[in-house]
Amino acid sequence: HNLLRPETVESLFILWRATHDWKYREQGWRIMMAFEKFSRVQYGYSGIRDVSAVPVVHDDAMPSFFTAETMKYLYLLFS
């Protein structure tokens, strides 16, 4: 499952702020591009039921924490 949870991105943001090591921004960029490639749907983003399945099967839901937290930490990571 990919439930669009914020914990990994939040950790990357905190580590970036603490160390200014660019590897954390690079990992955040890869996550953001993966969201765009695999989770983007017509009207937003959707979780993925099985990340090993091809083609991707979306769970047809975008939890409010995705924009409230996940996207917020991506924004802060690159701002």
Protein backbone atom coordinates (compact mmCIF):
# COMPACT_ATOMS: atom_id res chain seq x y z
CA HIS A 1 0.00 0.00 0.00
CA ASN A 2 0.92 3.62 -0.51
CA LEU A 3 -1.46 5.61 1.64
CA LEU A 4 0.18 9.01 0.91
CA ARG A 5 1.32 9.24 4.54
CA PRO A 6 3.53 12.19 5.59
CA GLU A 7 5.98 10.56 8.01
CA THR A 8 8.82 9.88 5.55
CA VAL A 9 8.64 13.33 3.98
CA GLU A 10 8.45 14.95 7.42
CA SER A 11 11.59 13.05 8.47
CA LEU A 12 13.41 14.19 5.32
CA PHE A 13 12.45 17.80 6.07
CA ILE A 14 13.70 17.60 9.67
CA LEU A 15 16.95 15.93 8.59
CA TRP A 16 17.47 18.55 5.86
CA ARG A 17 16.96 21.39 8.35
CA ALA A 18 19.33 19.77 10.86
CA THR A 19 22.15 18.84 8.46
CA HIS A 20 21.65 20.73 5.17
CA ASP A 21 22.76 17.52 3.48
CA TRP A 22 21.40 17.60 -0.07
CA LYS A 23 20.70 13.85 -0.08
CA TYR A 24 17.51 14.53 1.90
CA ARG A 25 16.25 16.96 -0.71
CA GLU A 26 17.15 14.49 -3.46
CA GLN A 27 15.15 11.75 -1.73
CA GLY A 28 12.24 14.15 -1.28
CA TRP A 29 12.40 15.02 -4.98
CA ARG A 30 12.23 11.34 -5.93
CA ILE A 31 9.20 10.88 -3.68
CA MET A 32 7.50 13.93 -5.17
CA MET A 33 8.13 12.70 -8.71
CA ALA A 34 6.80 9.24 -7.79
CA PHE A 35 3.61 10.86 -6.45
CA GLU A 36 3.26 12.73 -9.74
CA LYS A 37 3.92 9.64 -11.85
CA PHE A 38 1.95 7.01 -9.95
CA SER A 39 -0.53 8.70 -7.57
CA ARG A 40 -1.76 11.61 -9.68
CA VAL A 41 -5.33 11.19 -10.88
CA GLN A 42 -7.71 13.51 -12.72
CA TYR A 43 -8.77 15.57 -9.69
CA GLY A 44 -5.90 15.14 -7.23
CA TYR A 45 -3.91 12.22 -5.85
CA SER A 46 -4.89 8.72 -4.82
CA GLY A 47 -3.32 6.06 -2.67
CA ILE A 48 -2.10 2.87 -4.32
CA ARG A 49 -3.49 -0.51 -3.25
CA ASP A 50 -0.46 -2.63 -4.20
CA VAL A 51 2.80 -0.89 -5.07
CA SER A 52 4.13 -4.03 -6.74
CA ALA A 53 1.18 -4.36 -9.14
CA VAL A 54 1.44 -3.23 -12.75
CA PRO A 55 -0.61 -1.38 -13.82
CA VAL A 56 -1.13 0.72 -10.71
CA VAL A 57 -4.46 0.20 -8.94
CA HIS A 58 -5.58 3.33 -7.08
CA ASP A 59 -7.71 3.17 -3.95
CA ASP A 60 -9.81 6.11 -5.18
CA ALA A 61 -9.34 8.24 -2.07
CA MET A 62 -7.22 11.26 -1.18
CA PRO A 63 -6.96 11.61 2.60
CA SER A 64 -6.97 15.17 3.95
CA PHE A 65 -3.57 14.64 5.60
CA PHE A 66 -2.01 14.33 2.14
CA THR A 67 -2.43 18.04 1.42
CA ALA A 68 -2.32 19.12 5.07
CA GLU A 69 0.92 17.34 5.91
CA THR A 70 2.62 15.41 3.09
CA MET A 71 2.50 18.27 0.58
CA LYS A 72 3.28 20.80 3.31
CA TYR A 73 6.51 19.02 4.21
CA LEU A 74 7.48 18.70 0.55
CA TYR A 75 6.93 22.44 0.16
CA LEU A 76 8.99 23.21 3.25
CA LEU A 77 11.74 20.84 2.12
CA PHE A 78 12.19 22.82 -1.11
CA SER A 79 11.41 26.34 0.11
